[in-house]
Each structure stands twice: as structure tokens, then as C-alpha cells.
């Protein structure tokens, strides 16, 4: 791996970790439930991006598969949480 690409990936990894920490703080201190939902969305996106950068650094395709699963489950979780906040239940009888 090129030295410039390595340092850029390391910098990006640090930025994503900082974003993950700030989202976790918003999750814990959020005044409303919508703030907490947005913090969870930000956390799964940052987690997915961290795995993608690690996959680039280590050159392994396994990280990309795991990132795909995280994005899929994160989207389904966001839809379920939005439905719960709007109607009060996720699965309607």
C-alpha cells in the first residue's frame, strides 16, 4: 500500500472513531427520542465506514461483507424505530 494512502486511511479511521464517540455521547445525553434515533443511525454508519477503511488497510474482503451486513441491519432497524415512534408498535396485527 502506498504511504499516502496508508496515512489517509489512518486519518479517516481516526475521524470516524471521533464521530462514533460524539454519536455515543448524543445517544446517552439526547433530550428527545429523535436525537437518540439519529445518534444510532450515525453510529451504525460510522461503524460501517470504520470497517470499510479497515478492509482497505488490511486488504481483506471479509470486512466489506461485514460492512454490508451492518448497513442492511442498520437500515431495517431505522425503519422499525421510525415506525415505532410514529405508531407505537412495530408489527401491526
C-alpha atoms as a PDB file:
ATOM      1  CA  UNK A   1       0.000   0.000   0.000  1.00  0.00           C
ATOM      2  CA  UNK A   2       1.230   3.466  -0.852  1.00  0.00           C
ATOM      3  CA  UNK A   3       2.390   5.575   2.090  1.00  0.00           C
ATOM      4  CA  UNK A   4      -0.004   8.419   1.258  1.00  0.00           C
ATOM      5  CA  UNK A   5      -2.968   6.043   1.052  1.00  0.00           C
ATOM      6  CA  UNK A   6      -1.970   4.454   4.368  1.00  0.00           C
ATOM      7  CA  UNK A   7      -1.824   7.801   6.184  1.00  0.00           C
ATOM      8  CA  UNK A   8      -5.060   8.998   4.568  1.00  0.00           C
ATOM      9  CA  UNK A   9      -6.820   5.805   5.666  1.00  0.00           C
ATOM     10  CA  UNK A  10      -5.410   6.178   9.175  1.00  0.00           C
ATOM     11  CA  UNK A  11      -6.619   9.793   9.342  1.00  0.00           C
ATOM     12  CA  UNK A  12     -10.067   8.760   8.050  1.00  0.00           C
ATOM     13  CA  UNK A  13     -10.210   5.973  10.624  1.00  0.00           C
ATOM     14  CA  UNK A  14      -9.462   8.450  13.402  1.00  0.00           C
ATOM     15  CA  UNK A  15     -12.138  10.841  12.158  1.00  0.00           C
ATOM     16  CA  UNK A  16     -14.728   8.070  12.021  1.00  0.00           C
ATOM     17  CA  UNK A  17     -13.857   6.954  15.555  1.00  0.00           C
ATOM     18  CA  UNK A  18     -14.243  10.533  16.813  1.00  0.00           C
ATOM     19  CA  UNK A  19     -17.617  10.722  15.057  1.00  0.00           C
ATOM     20  CA  UNK A  20     -18.631   7.453  16.687  1.00  0.00           C
ATOM     21  CA  UNK A  21     -17.718   8.797  20.126  1.00  0.00           C
ATOM     22  CA  UNK A  22     -19.703  12.007  19.562  1.00  0.00           C
ATOM     23  CA  UNK A  23     -22.708   9.984  18.396  1.00  0.00           C
ATOM     24  CA  UNK A  24     -22.465   7.801  21.506  1.00  0.00           C
ATOM     25  CA  UNK A  25     -22.471  10.928  23.660  1.00  0.00           C
ATOM     26  CA  UNK A  26     -25.578  12.178  21.847  1.00  0.00           C
ATOM     27  CA  UNK A  27     -27.183   8.767  22.367  1.00  0.00           C
ATOM     28  CA  UNK A  28     -26.601   8.986  26.103  1.00  0.00           C
ATOM     29  CA  UNK A  29     -27.451  12.689  26.570  1.00  0.00           C
ATOM     30  CA  UNK A  30     -30.069  13.207  23.854  1.00  0.00           C
ATOM     31  CA  UNK A  31     -33.017  15.188  25.180  1.00  0.00           C
ATOM     32  CA  UNK A  32     -35.540  13.630  22.788  1.00  0.00           C
ATOM     33  CA  UNK A  33     -36.084  10.209  21.309  1.00  0.00           C
ATOM     34  CA  UNK A  34     -35.496  11.555  17.798  1.00  0.00           C
ATOM     35  CA  UNK A  35     -31.995  12.653  18.836  1.00  0.00           C
ATOM     36  CA  UNK A  36     -31.291   9.150  20.060  1.00  0.00           C
ATOM     37  CA  UNK A  37     -32.561   7.586  16.828  1.00  0.00           C
ATOM     38  CA  UNK A  38     -30.351   9.883  14.760  1.00  0.00           C
ATOM     39  CA  UNK A  39     -27.408   9.043  17.013  1.00  0.00           C
ATOM     40  CA  UNK A  40     -27.992   5.329  16.419  1.00  0.00           C
ATOM     41  CA  UNK A  41     -28.136   5.920  12.663  1.00  0.00           C
ATOM     42  CA  UNK A  42     -24.891   7.863  12.816  1.00  0.00           C
ATOM     43  CA  UNK A  43     -23.271   5.144  14.915  1.00  0.00           C
ATOM     44  CA  UNK A  44     -24.070   2.340  12.510  1.00  0.00           C
ATOM     45  CA  UNK A  45     -22.922   4.415   9.540  1.00  0.00           C
ATOM     46  CA  UNK A  46     -19.654   5.273  11.281  1.00  0.00           C
ATOM     47  CA  UNK A  47     -19.191   1.621  12.262  1.00  0.00           C
ATOM     48  CA  UNK A  48     -19.729   0.569   8.671  1.00  0.00           C
ATOM     49  CA  UNK A  49     -17.241   3.165   7.432  1.00  0.00           C
ATOM     50  CA  UNK A  50     -14.668   2.059  10.012  1.00  0.00           C
ATOM     51  CA  UNK A  51     -14.946  -1.498   8.721  1.00  0.00           C
ATOM     52  CA  UNK A  52     -14.586  -0.323   5.126  1.00  0.00           C
ATOM     53  CA  UNK A  53     -11.405   1.602   5.947  1.00  0.00           C
ATOM     54  CA  UNK A  54     -10.027  -1.401   7.831  1.00  0.00           C
ATOM     55  CA  UNK A  55     -10.815  -3.563   4.819  1.00  0.00           C
ATOM     56  CA  UNK A  56      -8.798  -1.190   2.655  1.00  0.00           C
ATOM     57  CA  UNK A  57      -5.894  -1.148   5.086  1.00  0.00           C
ATOM     58  CA  UNK A  58      -5.694  -4.905   5.608  1.00  0.00           C
ATOM     59  CA  UNK A  59      -6.720  -5.872   2.085  1.00  0.00           C
ATOM     60  CA  UNK A  60      -9.354  -8.352   3.236  1.00  0.00           C
ATOM     61  CA  UNK A  61     -12.746  -8.815   1.603  1.00  0.00           C
ATOM     62  CA  UNK A  62     -14.290 -10.084   4.854  1.00  0.00           C
ATOM     63  CA  UNK A  63     -14.556  -6.542   6.213  1.00  0.00           C
ATOM     64  CA  UNK A  64     -16.606  -5.499   3.193  1.00  0.00           C
ATOM     65  CA  UNK A  65     -19.073  -8.337   3.739  1.00  0.00           C
ATOM     66  CA  UNK A  66     -19.473  -7.431   7.404  1.00  0.00           C
ATOM     67  CA  UNK A  67     -19.964  -3.753   6.479  1.00  0.00           C
ATOM     68  CA  UNK A  68     -22.705  -4.787   4.054  1.00  0.00           C
ATOM     69  CA  UNK A  69     -24.483  -6.715   6.813  1.00  0.00           C
ATOM     70  CA  UNK A  70     -24.189  -3.785   9.212  1.00  0.00           C
ATOM     71  CA  UNK A  71     -25.692  -1.405   6.656  1.00  0.00           C
ATOM     72  CA  UNK A  72     -28.549  -3.803   5.943  1.00  0.00           C
ATOM     73  CA  UNK A  73     -29.410  -4.348   9.608  1.00  0.00           C
ATOM     74  CA  UNK A  74     -28.985  -0.644  10.330  1.00  0.00           C
ATOM     75  CA  UNK A  75     -31.485   0.296   7.656  1.00  0.00           C
ATOM     76  CA  UNK A  76     -34.033  -2.249   8.888  1.00  0.00           C
ATOM     77  CA  UNK A  77     -33.516  -1.051  12.452  1.00  0.00           C
ATOM     78  CA  UNK A  78     -34.025   2.573  11.422  1.00  0.00           C
ATOM     79  CA  UNK A  79     -37.264   1.743   9.638  1.00  0.00           C
ATOM     80  CA  UNK A  80     -38.519  -0.246  12.623  1.00  0.00           C
ATOM     81  CA  UNK A  81     -37.618   2.535  15.046  1.00  0.00           C
ATOM     82  CA  UNK A  82     -39.319   5.174  12.887  1.00  0.00           C
ATOM     83  CA  UNK A  83     -42.450   3.038  12.667  1.00  0.00           C
ATOM     84  CA  UNK A  84     -42.416   2.536  16.428  1.00  0.00           C
ATOM     85  CA  UNK A  85     -42.064   6.273  17.078  1.00  0.00           C
ATOM     86  CA  UNK A  86     -44.910   7.112  14.696  1.00  0.00           C
ATOM     87  CA  UNK A  87     -47.444   4.422  15.601  1.00  0.00           C
ATOM     88  CA  UNK A  88     -46.322   2.948  18.904  1.00  0.00           C
ATOM     89  CA  UNK A  89     -45.872  -0.583  17.591  1.00  0.00           C
ATOM     90  CA  UNK A  90     -43.603  -2.239  15.049  1.00  0.00           C
ATOM     91  CA  UNK A  91     -45.676  -5.229  13.965  1.00  0.00           C
ATOM     92  CA  UNK A  92     -49.308  -4.464  13.378  1.00  0.00           C
ATOM     93  CA  UNK A  93     -51.870  -7.235  13.976  1.00  0.00           C
END
